[in-house]
Each structure stands twice: as structure tokens, then as C-alpha cells.
C-alpha atoms as a PDB file:
ATOM      1  CA  MET A   1       0.026   0.050   0.057  1.00  0.00           C
ATOM      2  CA  ILE A   2       2.915   2.440   0.939  1.00  0.00           C
ATOM      3  CA  ASN A   3       4.548   3.073  -2.123  1.00  0.00           C
ATOM      4  CA  ARG A   4       7.571   5.068  -2.893  1.00  0.00           C
ATOM      5  CA  THR A   5       5.714   8.122  -3.601  1.00  0.00           C
ATOM      6  CA  LEU A   6       4.273   8.042  -0.290  1.00  0.00           C
ATOM      7  CA  VAL A   7       7.534   7.205   1.225  1.00  0.00           C
ATOM      8  CA  ARG A   8       9.064  10.291  -0.147  1.00  0.00           C
ATOM      9  CA  THR A   9       6.207  12.560   1.123  1.00  0.00           C
ATOM     10  CA  LYS A  10       6.444  10.884   4.692  1.00  0.00           C
ATOM     11  CA  VAL A  11      10.452  11.230   4.741  1.00  0.00           C
ATOM     12  CA  LEU A  12       9.960  14.881   3.740  1.00  0.00           C
ATOM     13  CA  GLN A  13       7.508  15.609   6.419  1.00  0.00           C
ATOM     14  CA  THR A  14       9.883  13.889   8.885  1.00  0.00           C
ATOM     15  CA  LEU A  15      12.929  15.852   7.745  1.00  0.00           C
ATOM     16  CA  PHE A  16      10.890  19.089   7.801  1.00  0.00           C
ATOM     17  CA  ALA A  17      10.209  18.425  11.618  1.00  0.00           C
ATOM     18  CA  TYR A  18      13.529  17.152  12.236  1.00  0.00           C
ATOM     19  CA  TYR A  19      15.382  20.269  11.156  1.00  0.00           C
ATOM     20  CA  LYS A  20      12.660  22.758  12.460  1.00  0.00           C
ATOM     21  CA  ASP A  21      12.923  21.471  15.935  1.00  0.00           C
ATOM     22  CA  GLY A  22      16.619  21.472  16.349  1.00  0.00           C
ATOM     23  CA  ASP A  23      16.708  19.182  19.305  1.00  0.00           C
ATOM     24  CA  LYS A  24      15.674  15.914  17.581  1.00  0.00           C
ATOM     25  CA  THR A  25      18.180  13.116  17.106  1.00  0.00           C
ATOM     26  CA  PRO A  26      18.353  10.943  13.934  1.00  0.00           C
ATOM     27  CA  LEU A  27      17.087   7.933  16.123  1.00  0.00           C
ATOM     28  CA  THR A  28      14.053  10.170  17.216  1.00  0.00           C
ATOM     29  CA  ALA A  29      13.395  11.082  13.592  1.00  0.00           C
ATOM     30  CA  ARG A  30      13.522   7.368  12.432  1.00  0.00           C
ATOM     31  CA  LYS A  31      10.951   6.513  15.214  1.00  0.00           C
ATOM     32  CA  GLU A  32       8.669   9.219  14.040  1.00  0.00           C
ATOM     33  CA  LEU A  33       8.894   8.156  10.429  1.00  0.00           C
ATOM     34  CA  LEU A  34       8.053   4.652  11.351  1.00  0.00           C
ATOM     35  CA  LYS A  35       5.074   5.902  13.456  1.00  0.00           C
ATOM     36  CA  SER A  36       3.769   8.071  10.475  1.00  0.00           C
ATOM     37  CA  PHE A  37       3.552   4.986   8.382  1.00  0.00           C
ATOM     38  CA  SER A  38       1.673   3.069  11.047  1.00  0.00           C
ATOM     39  CA  SER A  39      -0.589   6.050  11.516  1.00  0.00           C
ATOM     40  CA  THR A  40      -1.209   5.806   7.756  1.00  0.00           C
ATOM     41  CA  TYR A  41      -2.084   2.247   7.821  1.00  0.00           C
ATOM     42  CA  SER A  42      -4.417   2.797  10.545  1.00  0.00           C
ATOM     43  CA  LEU A  43      -6.346   5.287   8.735  1.00  0.00           C
ATOM     44  CA  TYR A  44      -6.804   2.818   5.790  1.00  0.00           C
ATOM     45  CA  MET A  45      -8.132   0.323   8.272  1.00  0.00           C
ATOM     46  CA  ALA A  46     -10.432   2.882   9.902  1.00  0.00           C
ATOM     47  CA  MET A  47     -11.858   3.857   6.615  1.00  0.00           C
ATOM     48  CA  LEU A  48     -12.502   0.253   5.700  1.00  0.00           C
ATOM     49  CA  ALA A  49     -14.341   0.140   9.073  1.00  0.00           C
ATOM     50  CA  PHE A  50     -16.295   3.164   7.978  1.00  0.00           C
ATOM     51  CA  ALA A  51     -18.411   1.132   5.799  1.00  0.00           C
ATOM     52  CA  ASP A  52     -19.852  -0.687   8.632  1.00  0.00           C
ATOM     53  CA  GLU A  53     -20.501   2.269  10.816  1.00  0.00           C
ATOM     54  CA  LEU A  54     -22.533   3.903   8.163  1.00  0.00           C
ATOM     55  CA  VAL A  55     -24.623   0.745   7.467  1.00  0.00           C
ATOM     56  CA  THR A  56     -25.222   0.251  11.159  1.00  0.00           C
ATOM     57  CA  TYR A  57     -26.351   3.783  11.294  1.00  0.00           C
ATOM     58  CA  ALA A  58     -28.777   3.042   8.301  1.00  0.00           C
ATOM     59  CA  GLU A  59     -30.021   0.094  10.247  1.00  0.00           C
ATOM     60  CA  GLU A  60     -30.733   2.261  13.251  1.00  0.00           C
ATOM     61  CA  GLN A  61     -32.740   4.691  11.096  1.00  0.00           C
ATOM     62  CA  ILE A  62     -34.910   1.746   9.692  1.00  0.00           C
ATOM     63  CA  ALA A  63     -35.566   0.521  13.252  1.00  0.00           C
ATOM     64  CA  GLU A  64     -36.575   4.041  14.400  1.00  0.00           C
ATOM     65  CA  ASN A  65     -38.890   4.616  11.466  1.00  0.00           C
ATOM     66  CA  LYS A  66     -40.402   1.285  12.024  1.00  0.00           C
ATOM     67  CA  GLN A  67     -41.266   2.109  15.602  1.00  0.00           C
ATOM     68  CA  ARG A  68     -42.409   5.379  14.519  1.00  0.00           C
ATOM     69  CA  ALA A  69     -44.737   4.025  11.934  1.00  0.00           C
ATOM     70  CA  ALA A  70     -46.034   1.450  14.521  1.00  0.00           C
ATOM     71  CA  VAL A  71     -46.844   4.123  17.001  1.00  0.00           C
ATOM     72  CA  THR A  72     -48.515   6.490  14.412  1.00  0.00           C
ATOM     73  CA  HIS A  73     -50.328   3.338  12.785  1.00  0.00           C
ATOM     74  CA  GLN A  74     -48.796   4.297   9.384  1.00  0.00           C
ATOM     75  CA  GLU A  75     -47.555   1.812   6.589  1.00  0.00           C
ATOM     76  CA  TYR A  76     -44.002   1.658   6.388  1.00  0.00           C
ATOM     77  CA  THR A  77     -41.811  -0.697   4.035  1.00  0.00           C
ATOM     78  CA  PRO A  78     -38.080  -0.348   4.567  1.00  0.00           C
ATOM     79  CA  ASN A  79     -35.609  -0.622   1.683  1.00  0.00           C
ATOM     80  CA  TYR A  80     -32.795  -3.120   2.770  1.00  0.00           C
ATOM     81  CA  HIS A  81     -30.563  -2.633  -0.223  1.00  0.00           C
ATOM     82  CA  PHE A  82     -27.956  -0.647   1.528  1.00  0.00           C
ATOM     83  CA  VAL A  83     -28.038  -2.502   4.851  1.00  0.00           C
ATOM     84  CA  ASN A  84     -27.740  -5.774   2.929  1.00  0.00           C
ATOM     85  CA  ASN A  85     -25.018  -4.566   0.625  1.00  0.00           C
ATOM     86  CA  ARG A  86     -22.442  -7.473   0.326  1.00  0.00           C
ATOM     87  CA  ILE A  87     -19.461  -5.344   0.434  1.00  0.00           C
ATOM     88  CA  SER A  88     -20.122  -3.745   3.806  1.00  0.00           C
ATOM     89  CA  ARG A  89     -20.841  -7.443   5.108  1.00  0.00           C
ATOM     90  CA  HIS A  90     -17.597  -8.721   3.826  1.00  0.00           C
ATOM     91  CA  LEU A  91     -15.685  -5.915   5.340  1.00  0.00           C
ATOM     92  CA  PHE A  92     -17.447  -6.452   8.797  1.00  0.00           C
ATOM     93  CA  ASN A  93     -16.753 -10.169   8.608  1.00  0.00           C
ATOM     94  CA  ASN A  94     -13.069  -9.714   7.487  1.00  0.00           C
ATOM     95  CA  ARG A  95     -10.888 -11.325  10.139  1.00  0.00           C
ATOM     96  CA  VAL A  96      -7.762  -9.252   9.237  1.00  0.00           C
ATOM     97  CA  LEU A  97      -9.653  -6.104   9.709  1.00  0.00           C
ATOM     98  CA  ARG A  98     -11.398  -7.135  12.736  1.00  0.00           C
ATOM     99  CA  HIS A  99      -8.189  -8.294  14.474  1.00  0.00           C
ATOM    100  CA  TYR A 100      -6.519  -5.054  13.599  1.00  0.00           C
ATOM    101  CA  LEU A 101      -9.252  -2.806  14.945  1.00  0.00           C
ATOM    102  CA  GLU A 102      -9.374  -4.813  18.117  1.00  0.00           C
ATOM    103  CA  ASP A 103      -5.632  -5.005  18.726  1.00  0.00           C
ATOM    104  CA  ASN A 104      -5.226  -1.246  18.220  1.00  0.00           C
ATOM    105  CA  HIS A 105      -8.440  -0.333  20.111  1.00  0.00           C
ATOM    106  CA  MET A 106      -9.964   1.497  17.079  1.00  0.00           C
ATOM    107  CA  ARG A 107     -13.486   2.615  17.214  1.00  0.00           C
ATOM    108  CA  TRP A 108     -15.462   5.377  15.601  1.00  0.00           C
ATOM    109  CA  ASP A 109     -17.255   6.406  18.788  1.00  0.00           C
ATOM    110  CA  THR A 110     -15.429   9.893  18.774  1.00  0.00           C
ATOM    111  CA  GLY A 111     -16.089  10.201  14.980  1.00  0.00           C
ATOM    112  CA  MET A 112     -19.885   9.425  15.051  1.00  0.00           C
ATOM    113  CA  ASN A 113     -20.835  12.990  14.036  1.00  0.00           C
ATOM    114  CA  GLY A 114     -18.916  12.296  10.990  1.00  0.00           C
ATOM    115  CA  VAL A 115     -20.676   9.111  10.352  1.00  0.00           C
ATOM    116  CA  ILE A 116     -24.061  10.709  10.817  1.00  0.00           C
ATOM    117  CA  ALA A 117     -23.231  13.546   8.517  1.00  0.00           C
ATOM    118  CA  VAL A 118     -22.098  11.505   5.713  1.00  0.00           C
ATOM    119  CA  TYR A 119     -25.199   9.313   5.863  1.00  0.00           C
ATOM    120  CA  LYS A 120     -27.435  12.251   5.781  1.00  0.00           C
ATOM    121  CA  GLN A 121     -25.260  13.381   2.526  1.00  0.00           C
ATOM    122  CA  LEU A 122     -25.411   9.946   1.065  1.00  0.00           C
ATOM    123  CA  ILE A 123     -29.009   9.469   0.972  1.00  0.00           C
ATOM    124  CA  GLN A 124     -29.434  12.733  -1.132  1.00  0.00           C
ATOM    125  CA  GLU A 125     -27.007  11.470  -3.757  1.00  0.00           C
ATOM    126  CA  PRO A 126     -28.451  10.527  -7.267  1.00  0.00           C
ATOM    127  CA  PHE A 127     -26.167   7.446  -7.467  1.00  0.00           C
ATOM    128  CA  TYR A 128     -27.352   6.193  -3.962  1.00  0.00           C
ATOM    129  CA  GLN A 129     -31.140   6.644  -5.182  1.00  0.00           C
ATOM    130  CA  GLU A 130     -30.570   4.819  -8.144  1.00  0.00           C
ATOM    131  CA  TYR A 131     -29.075   1.987  -6.288  1.00  0.00           C
ATOM    132  CA  MET A 132     -31.793   1.780  -3.920  1.00  0.00           C
ATOM    133  CA  GLN A 133     -34.379   1.629  -6.769  1.00  0.00           C
ATOM    134  CA  LEU A 134     -32.742  -1.450  -8.191  1.00  0.00           C
ATOM    135  CA  GLU A 135     -34.883  -4.552  -8.017  1.00  0.00           C
ATOM    136  CA  ALA A 136     -32.001  -6.796  -7.055  1.00  0.00           C
ATOM    137  CA  PRO A 137     -28.498  -5.344  -6.934  1.00  0.00           C
ATOM    138  CA  THR A 138     -25.769  -7.453  -7.994  1.00  0.00           C
ATOM    139  CA  PHE A 139     -22.485  -8.151  -6.441  1.00  0.00           C
ATOM    140  CA  GLU A 140     -20.972  -5.544  -9.014  1.00  0.00           C
ATOM    141  CA  ASP A 141     -23.731  -2.970  -8.008  1.00  0.00           C
ATOM    142  CA  ASP A 142     -22.721  -3.414  -4.509  1.00  0.00           C
ATOM    143  CA  LYS A 143     -19.029  -2.842  -5.247  1.00  0.00           C
ATOM    144  CA  MET A 144     -19.922   0.339  -7.470  1.00  0.00           C
ATOM    145  CA  LEU A 145     -21.916   1.847  -4.622  1.00  0.00           C
ATOM    146  CA  TRP A 146     -18.985   1.781  -2.383  1.00  0.00           C
ATOM    147  CA  ARG A 147     -16.495   2.967  -4.981  1.00  0.00           C
ATOM    148  CA  LYS A 148     -18.739   6.028  -5.496  1.00  0.00           C
ATOM    149  CA  ILE A 149     -19.194   6.562  -1.822  1.00  0.00           C
ATOM    150  CA  TYR A 150     -15.352   6.498  -1.224  1.00  0.00           C
ATOM    151  CA  GLY A 151     -14.184   7.814  -4.460  1.00  0.00           C
ATOM    152  CA  ASN A 152     -16.710  10.643  -4.739  1.00  0.00           C
ATOM    153  CA  LEU A 153     -18.770  11.555  -1.653  1.00  0.00           C
ATOM    154  CA  LEU A 154     -15.848  11.124   0.892  1.00  0.00           C
ATOM    155  CA  ILE A 155     -12.950  12.814  -1.004  1.00  0.00           C
ATOM    156  CA  GLY A 156     -12.641  16.380   0.597  1.00  0.00           C
ATOM    157  CA  ASN A 157     -15.569  15.592   2.744  1.00  0.00           C
ATOM    158  CA  GLU A 158     -15.297  18.281   5.473  1.00  0.00           C
ATOM    159  CA  ASP A 159     -17.611  16.452   8.049  1.00  0.00           C
ATOM    160  CA  LEU A 160     -15.363  13.380   7.623  1.00  0.00           C
ATOM    161  CA  GLN A 161     -12.283  15.426   8.018  1.00  0.00           C
ATOM    162  CA  ALA A 162     -13.588  16.802  11.285  1.00  0.00           C
ATOM    163  CA  ALA A 163     -14.345  13.346  12.599  1.00  0.00           C
ATOM    164  CA  LEU A 164     -10.963  11.957  11.744  1.00  0.00           C
ATOM    165  CA  GLU A 165      -9.394  15.004  13.449  1.00  0.00           C
ATOM    166  CA  GLU A 166     -11.146  13.916  16.659  1.00  0.00           C
ATOM    167  CA  MET A 167     -10.295  10.394  16.246  1.00  0.00           C
ATOM    168  CA  GLU A 168      -6.663  10.851  15.644  1.00  0.00           C
ATOM    169  CA  VAL A 169      -6.322  12.876  18.870  1.00  0.00           C
ATOM    170  CA  ALA A 170      -8.095  10.011  20.674  1.00  0.00           C
ATOM    171  CA  LEU A 171      -5.820   7.368  19.183  1.00  0.00           C
ATOM    172  CA  ASP A 172      -2.698   9.326  19.367  1.00  0.00           C
ATOM    173  CA  HIS A 173      -2.255   9.328  15.638  1.00  0.00           C
ATOM    174  CA  HIS A 174      -0.776  12.051  13.300  1.00  0.00           C
ATOM    175  CA  GLY A 175      -1.564  13.356   9.768  1.00  0.00           C
ATOM    176  CA  TRP A 176      -4.846  11.790   9.008  1.00  0.00           C
ATOM    177  CA  THR A 177      -6.434  14.707   7.498  1.00  0.00           C
ATOM    178  CA  THR A 178      -3.385  15.177   5.466  1.00  0.00           C
ATOM    179  CA  ASP A 179      -3.331  11.545   4.050  1.00  0.00           C
ATOM    180  CA  MET A 180      -7.228  11.179   3.924  1.00  0.00           C
ATOM    181  CA  ASP A 181      -8.038  11.619   0.057  1.00  0.00           C
ATOM    182  CA  GLN A 182      -4.841   9.336  -0.882  1.00  0.00           C
ATOM    183  CA  ILE A 183      -6.021   6.633   1.530  1.00  0.00           C
ATOM    184  CA  LEU A 184      -9.404   6.849   0.021  1.00  0.00           C
ATOM    185  CA  THR A 185      -7.926   5.915  -3.309  1.00  0.00           C
ATOM    186  CA  TYR A 186      -6.509   2.753  -1.791  1.00  0.00           C
ATOM    187  CA  VAL A 187      -9.777   1.848  -0.166  1.00  0.00           C
ATOM    188  CA  VAL A 188     -11.351   2.253  -3.701  1.00  0.00           C
ATOM    189  CA  LYS A 189      -8.398   0.062  -5.081  1.00  0.00           C
ATOM    190  CA  THR A 190      -9.183  -2.605  -2.436  1.00  0.00           C
ATOM    191  CA  ILE A 191     -12.954  -2.872  -3.004  1.00  0.00           C
ATOM    192  CA  LYS A 192     -12.400  -2.832  -6.930  1.00  0.00           C
ATOM    193  CA  GLN A 193     -10.328  -6.257  -6.306  1.00  0.00           C
ATOM    194  CA  PHE A 194     -13.143  -7.718  -4.377  1.00  0.00           C
ATOM    195  CA  LYS A 195     -14.472 -10.964  -5.857  1.00  0.00           C
ATOM    196  CA  GLU A 196     -17.786 -12.406  -5.024  1.00  0.00           C
ATOM    197  CA  GLU A 197     -16.355 -15.928  -4.787  1.00  0.00           C
ATOM    198  CA  ASN A 198     -13.935 -14.823  -1.930  1.00  0.00           C
ATOM    199  CA  GLY A 199     -16.868 -14.109   0.440  1.00  0.00           C
ATOM    200  CA  ASP A 200     -15.563 -12.874   3.745  1.00  0.00           C
ATOM    201  CA  GLU A 201     -11.889 -13.542   2.718  1.00  0.00           C
ATOM    202  CA  GLN A 202     -11.422 -10.672   0.641  1.00  0.00           C
ATOM    203  CA  PRO A 203      -7.826  -9.570   0.618  1.00  0.00           C
ATOM    204  CA  LEU A 204      -6.913  -6.257   2.077  1.00  0.00           C
ATOM    205  CA  LEU A 205      -3.658  -4.236   1.265  1.00  0.00           C
ATOM    206  CA  GLU A 206      -0.543  -4.794   3.233  1.00  0.00           C
ATOM    207  CA  MET A 207       1.161  -1.838   4.875  1.00  0.00           C
ATOM    208  CA  PHE A 208       4.107  -2.182   2.438  1.00  0.00           C
ATOM    209  CA  THR A 209       4.096  -4.168  -0.795  1.00  0.00           C
ATOM    210  CA  SER A 210       7.756  -5.357  -0.105  1.00  0.00           C
ATOM    211  CA  GLU A 211      10.484  -4.887   2.592  1.00  0.00           C
ATOM    212  CA  GLU A 212      12.273  -2.887  -0.053  1.00  0.00           C
ATOM    213  CA  GLU A 213       9.960  -0.036   0.343  1.00  0.00           C
ATOM    214  CA  LEU A 214      10.501   0.161   3.973  1.00  0.00           C
ATOM    215  CA  ALA A 215      14.373  -0.229   3.646  1.00  0.00           C
ATOM    216  CA  PHE A 216      14.264   2.757   1.151  1.00  0.00           C
ATOM    217  CA  ALA A 217      12.416   4.894   3.505  1.00  0.00           C
ATOM    218  CA  LYS A 218      14.766   4.259   6.401  1.00  0.00           C
ATOM    219  CA  ASP A 219      18.048   4.496   4.146  1.00  0.00           C
ATOM    220  CA  LEU A 220      16.676   7.859   2.628  1.00  0.00           C
ATOM    221  CA  LEU A 221      15.895   9.457   5.901  1.00  0.00           C
ATOM    222  CA  ARG A 222      19.366   8.354   7.445  1.00  0.00           C
ATOM    223  CA  LEU A 223      21.633   9.206   4.556  1.00  0.00           C
ATOM    224  CA  THR A 224      19.923  12.627   4.107  1.00  0.00           C
ATOM    225  CA  ILE A 225      20.619  13.518   7.617  1.00  0.00           C
ATOM    226  CA  GLU A 226      24.039  12.019   7.532  1.00  0.00           C
ATOM    227  CA  ASN A 227      25.296  13.844   4.595  1.00  0.00           C
ATOM    228  CA  ALA A 228      23.332  17.095   4.839  1.00  0.00           C
ATOM    229  CA  ASP A 229      26.439  19.225   4.964  1.00  0.00           C
ATOM    230  CA  GLU A 230      27.861  17.796   1.832  1.00  0.00           C
ATOM    231  CA  TYR A 231      24.635  18.203   0.162  1.00  0.00           C
ATOM    232  CA  LYS A 232      24.075  21.657   1.148  1.00  0.00           C
ATOM    233  CA  GLU A 233      27.653  22.519  -0.343  1.00  0.00           C
ATOM    234  CA  LEU A 234      26.608  20.987  -3.480  1.00  0.00           C
ATOM    235  CA  ILE A 235      23.381  23.093  -3.635  1.00  0.00           C
ATOM    236  CA  SER A 236      25.095  26.340  -2.902  1.00  0.00           C
ATOM    237  CA  LYS A 237      27.569  25.506  -6.054  1.00  0.00           C
ATOM    238  CA  SER A 238      24.515  24.711  -8.170  1.00  0.00           C
ATOM    239  CA  LEU A 239      22.880  27.896  -7.452  1.00  0.00           C
ATOM    240  CA  ARG A 240      22.869  30.557 -10.322  1.00  0.00           C
ATOM    241  CA  ASN A 241      22.815  34.097  -9.260  1.00  0.00           C
ATOM    242  CA  TRP A 242      20.924  33.177  -6.085  1.00  0.00           C
ATOM    243  CA  ASP A 243      22.001  33.534  -2.446  1.00  0.00           C
ATOM    244  CA  ALA A 244      21.757  30.194  -0.676  1.00  0.00           C
ATOM    245  CA  GLU A 245      20.420  31.822   2.477  1.00  0.00           C
ATOM    246  CA  ARG A 246      17.411  33.095   0.432  1.00  0.00           C
ATOM    247  CA  VAL A 247      16.282  29.668  -0.570  1.00  0.00           C
ATOM    248  CA  ALA A 248      12.982  28.793   1.228  1.00  0.00           C
ATOM    249  CA  TYR A 249      13.224  26.428   4.178  1.00  0.00           C
ATOM    250  CA  MET A 250      10.809  23.770   2.478  1.00  0.00           C
ATOM    251  CA  ASP A 251      12.705  24.231  -0.838  1.00  0.00           C
ATOM    252  CA  GLN A 252      16.045  23.436   1.028  1.00  0.00           C
ATOM    253  CA  ILE A 253      14.622  20.223   2.605  1.00  0.00           C
ATOM    254  CA  ILE A 254      13.221  19.055  -0.744  1.00  0.00           C
ATOM    255  CA  LEU A 255      16.573  19.693  -2.471  1.00  0.00           C
ATOM    256  CA  LEU A 256      18.443  17.816   0.395  1.00  0.00           C
ATOM    257  CA  GLN A 257      16.367  14.825   0.131  1.00  0.00           C
ATOM    258  CA  ALA A 258      16.343  14.895  -3.663  1.00  0.00           C
ATOM    259  CA  ILE A 259      20.091  14.896  -3.767  1.00  0.00           C
ATOM    260  CA  SER A 260      20.403  11.964  -1.379  1.00  0.00           C
ATOM    261  CA  GLU A 261      18.164   9.893  -3.426  1.00  0.00           C
ATOM    262  CA  ILE A 262      19.877  10.822  -6.443  1.00  0.00           C
ATOM    263  CA  VAL A 263      23.411  10.122  -5.116  1.00  0.00           C
ATOM    264  CA  ASN A 264      22.601   6.986  -3.295  1.00  0.00           C
ATOM    265  CA  PHE A 265      19.834   5.063  -5.036  1.00  0.00           C
ATOM    266  CA  ASN A 266      21.428   4.044  -8.457  1.00  0.00           C
ATOM    267  CA  GLU A 267      18.516   1.685  -9.193  1.00  0.00           C
ATOM    268  CA  ILE A 268      16.171   4.757  -9.471  1.00  0.00           C
ATOM    269  CA  ALA A 269      16.344   6.600 -12.783  1.00  0.00           C
ATOM    270  CA  LEU A 270      17.406  10.065 -12.492  1.00  0.00           C
ATOM    271  CA  GLU A 271      14.400  11.378 -14.264  1.00  0.00           C
ATOM    272  CA  ILE A 272      12.083   9.656 -11.986  1.00  0.00           C
ATOM    273  CA  SER A 273      13.699  10.978  -9.036  1.00  0.00           C
ATOM    274  CA  MET A 274      13.689  14.576 -10.273  1.00  0.00           C
ATOM    275  CA  ASN A 275       9.916  14.405 -11.321  1.00  0.00           C
ATOM    276  CA  GLU A 276       9.019  13.147  -7.998  1.00  0.00           C
ATOM    277  CA  TYR A 277      10.590  15.803  -6.013  1.00  0.00           C
ATOM    278  CA  ILE A 278       9.239  18.479  -8.462  1.00  0.00           C
ATOM    279  CA  GLU A 279       5.855  17.181  -7.622  1.00  0.00           C
ATOM    280  CA  LEU A 280       6.568  17.373  -4.140  1.00  0.00           C
ATOM    281  CA  ALA A 281       7.581  21.052  -4.655  1.00  0.00           C
ATOM    282  CA  LYS A 282       4.204  21.672  -6.156  1.00  0.00           C
ATOM    283  CA  GLU A 283       2.418  20.222  -3.320  1.00  0.00           C
ATOM    284  CA  TYR A 284       4.339  21.519  -0.360  1.00  0.00           C
ATOM    285  CA  SER A 285       6.235  24.589  -1.356  1.00  0.00           C
ATOM    286  CA  SER A 286       5.300  27.919  -2.938  1.00  0.00           C
ATOM    287  CA  ASP A 287       3.906  28.336  -6.585  1.00  0.00           C
ATOM    288  CA  LYS A 288       7.090  28.722  -8.461  1.00  0.00           C
ATOM    289  CA  SER A 289       9.195  26.437  -6.282  1.00  0.00           C
ATOM    290  CA  HIS A 290       8.865  23.546  -8.714  1.00  0.00           C
ATOM    291  CA  GLN A 291      10.653  25.482 -11.334  1.00  0.00           C
ATOM    292  CA  PHE A 292      13.561  26.430  -8.715  1.00  0.00           C
ATOM    293  CA  ILE A 293      13.907  22.748  -7.781  1.00  0.00           C
ATOM    294  CA  ASN A 294      13.772  21.705 -11.293  1.00  0.00           C
ATOM    295  CA  GLY A 295      16.809  24.107 -12.352  1.00  0.00           C
ATOM    296  CA  VAL A 296      18.970  23.496  -9.237  1.00  0.00           C
ATOM    297  CA  LEU A 297      18.512  19.639  -9.742  1.00  0.00           C
ATOM    298  CA  ASN A 298      19.686  19.904 -13.209  1.00  0.00           C
ATOM    299  CA  ASN A 299      22.546  21.937 -12.124  1.00  0.00           C
ATOM    300  CA  VAL A 300      23.358  19.342  -9.418  1.00  0.00           C
ATOM    301  CA  ALA A 301      23.216  16.335 -11.605  1.00  0.00           C
ATOM    302  CA  LEU A 302      25.571  18.205 -14.180  1.00  0.00           C
ATOM    303  CA  GLU A 303      27.951  18.784 -11.322  1.00  0.00           C
ATOM    304  CA  LEU A 304      27.821  15.345 -10.211  1.00  0.00           C
ATOM    305  CA  LYS A 305      28.426  13.931 -13.602  1.00  0.00           C
ATOM    306  CA  LYS A 306      31.633  16.241 -13.793  1.00  0.00           C
ATOM    307  CA  GLU A 307      32.920  14.844 -10.416  1.00  0.00           C
ATOM    308  CA  ASN A 308      32.243  11.216 -11.672  1.00  0.00           C
ATOM    309  CA  VAL A 309      29.848  10.660  -8.899  1.00  0.00           C
ATOM    310  CA  LEU A 310      26.783  10.370 -11.064  1.00  0.00           C
ATOM    311  CA  PHE A 311      26.476   7.495 -13.600  1.00  0.00           C
ATOM    312  CA  LYS A 312      22.860   8.049 -14.777  1.00  0.00           C
ATOM    313  CA  VAL A 313      21.642   9.353 -18.173  1.00  0.00           C
ATOM    314  CA  ILE A 314      20.769  13.003 -17.660  1.00  0.00           C
ATOM    315  CA  LYS A 315      17.845  14.131 -19.405  1.00  0.00           C
ATOM    316  CA  LYS A 316      16.978  18.016 -19.262  1.00  0.00           C
ATOM    317  CA  GLN A 317      13.864  18.685 -17.393  1.00  0.00           C
ATOM    318  CA  ASN A 318      10.998  21.053 -18.738  1.00  0.00           C
END
């Protein structure tokens, strides 16, 4: 689940905090990086569990409507399509998910306001109403409903963000709202892979696709910190008509990490590394920072080539 793009983001966030604080040790930074990965995975599990919370609330609404109809002697015929949805049932019965939630004491109690708010939004959605009007939803219909809930309704949802903020404090996690939209894409990917024949044994994503990703994260953080002074000198030499002290703080961190990756990970193509850090600059720094990062990294690559430190093909970035 946690790929190299997300690893780079987490390392950048850790380095930013490490240098900003000034009192942290490399060991502390490493522990914080690993905790951030754990928090990200816990959010993935929490969002999978969100399906059951939403369905449970829907069941409660049906029960209340039944009781109200009985008291007022009105006819009420509930629609059970949503509460009988097979995807939510498979998630509820998934042993891996259940064990994770129990082992980590994860509950949606503190986030119930978000569950209620999202349900009220959901029942107004045309895609939900169309689903509820189906005569007999298929397994693919069930999947598509949840893919739209997670991929459309919940992306950027302020009520969900507020609920997650409450939950991350209660669970002592960090960065949940920052990671929310990306994690939702992983949830959609998970549901997209569900097969009817797997029943309650639907596979979930692992925290890391391989041990190589975790090793990459640890090494990238360590090597950036260990060689920071050397990389700062390289940045200074690579600036053109620009005072190093005027470089924005976030841009400095991005450049340090980018150079560390370019120098130490020969298996990663130069163009891939440069593009990844240009994208990080677009997301985490000022509007024109990505152009600045692009120019400096091109100069750094040429300098490293001259010094016979870099043995990769250099392609000029646009």
C-alpha cells in the first residue's frame, strides 16, 4: 500500500520536523517516520471500517422509522438494499480487519458525528437513490456503490475530516486529514479487487508491498541526515545568481532529500527522482518552487556528472 511516492512524502515531512525542531536526534526522526507509516495504515483500516459504521447507522434509522410507524399506525416498507450490501458485510466479517481494529483499540465512537453527517449527505446522492431503486442489486452493483461513496462523496469531505481529527487525537495518531484523500484511493482500489467468490476472505492491502519499500524509507532518511552538510555545499555550488540563504526552508529540505536519493539509489532513474521531487515542491512549497527545484537539480546532476559521482543518463527537465 505504502509505495515510494508516499514514502518520499513521509520522509520529507519527517525531515521538515527534524530540522525545524533542532533538538531531535536521527533516532527520534527514524521512530517518528515509522510511526507515521503506522498512522497511515491505521487510517486505511479505519476507513474500511467506516462502511460498517455507515450501514449500522442506516439500520438504526430503519428501526426508528419502524417504531415511529407502529406508534402512528402508518404503513412503512423499509428498503434493505443498503444494509444488505455484500461489500459492507464482507468488510465487517473480514478477520484481518477485525483483528487489527481490536488489537489497536480502534472505534468510531469519537467520530460518530461524521458518520451521521455523511449518511445524511449520502441519501441525497443520485447514485445512492438509483442503487436503492434497483430490483435486485448484483455484487457489481454493491461494489460500484461503495466505490462512488469512497471515491466521490468522501473525497475532501469536511465532515469526515472533522471526525478524523477527533479520532486521531483520541488514538494518538498524526496526519490523518493530510493523508485522507490518498488513503481513500487505496480503499477504492481494495474494493475494486473484491470478488464474489472470496466471500468474507476478501484480501486487504498490506502496509508495504515489499520490505524494499521500508528499507528505502529508512535509508533515505538516514542518508539525508548523515550527508546534509555535503549536500548543502553542492546546492550552494549549483545555484545561479542566487544566495543560498534566500532559498525557502521547504525548498532546502526538498533539495537535500532529492540529492540524497539521486546520489545513493542508483537503481532509481534520475528522471524519476527529479520528477517526484518537482511534484513534492508543487504540493508542499510555493507556486514557483517546482521551477526552482527543477533548475537546481539539473545543475546538481551536471555537477555530479563532472565529478564522476553520478553514472545515470541526464535528461533535461522541462
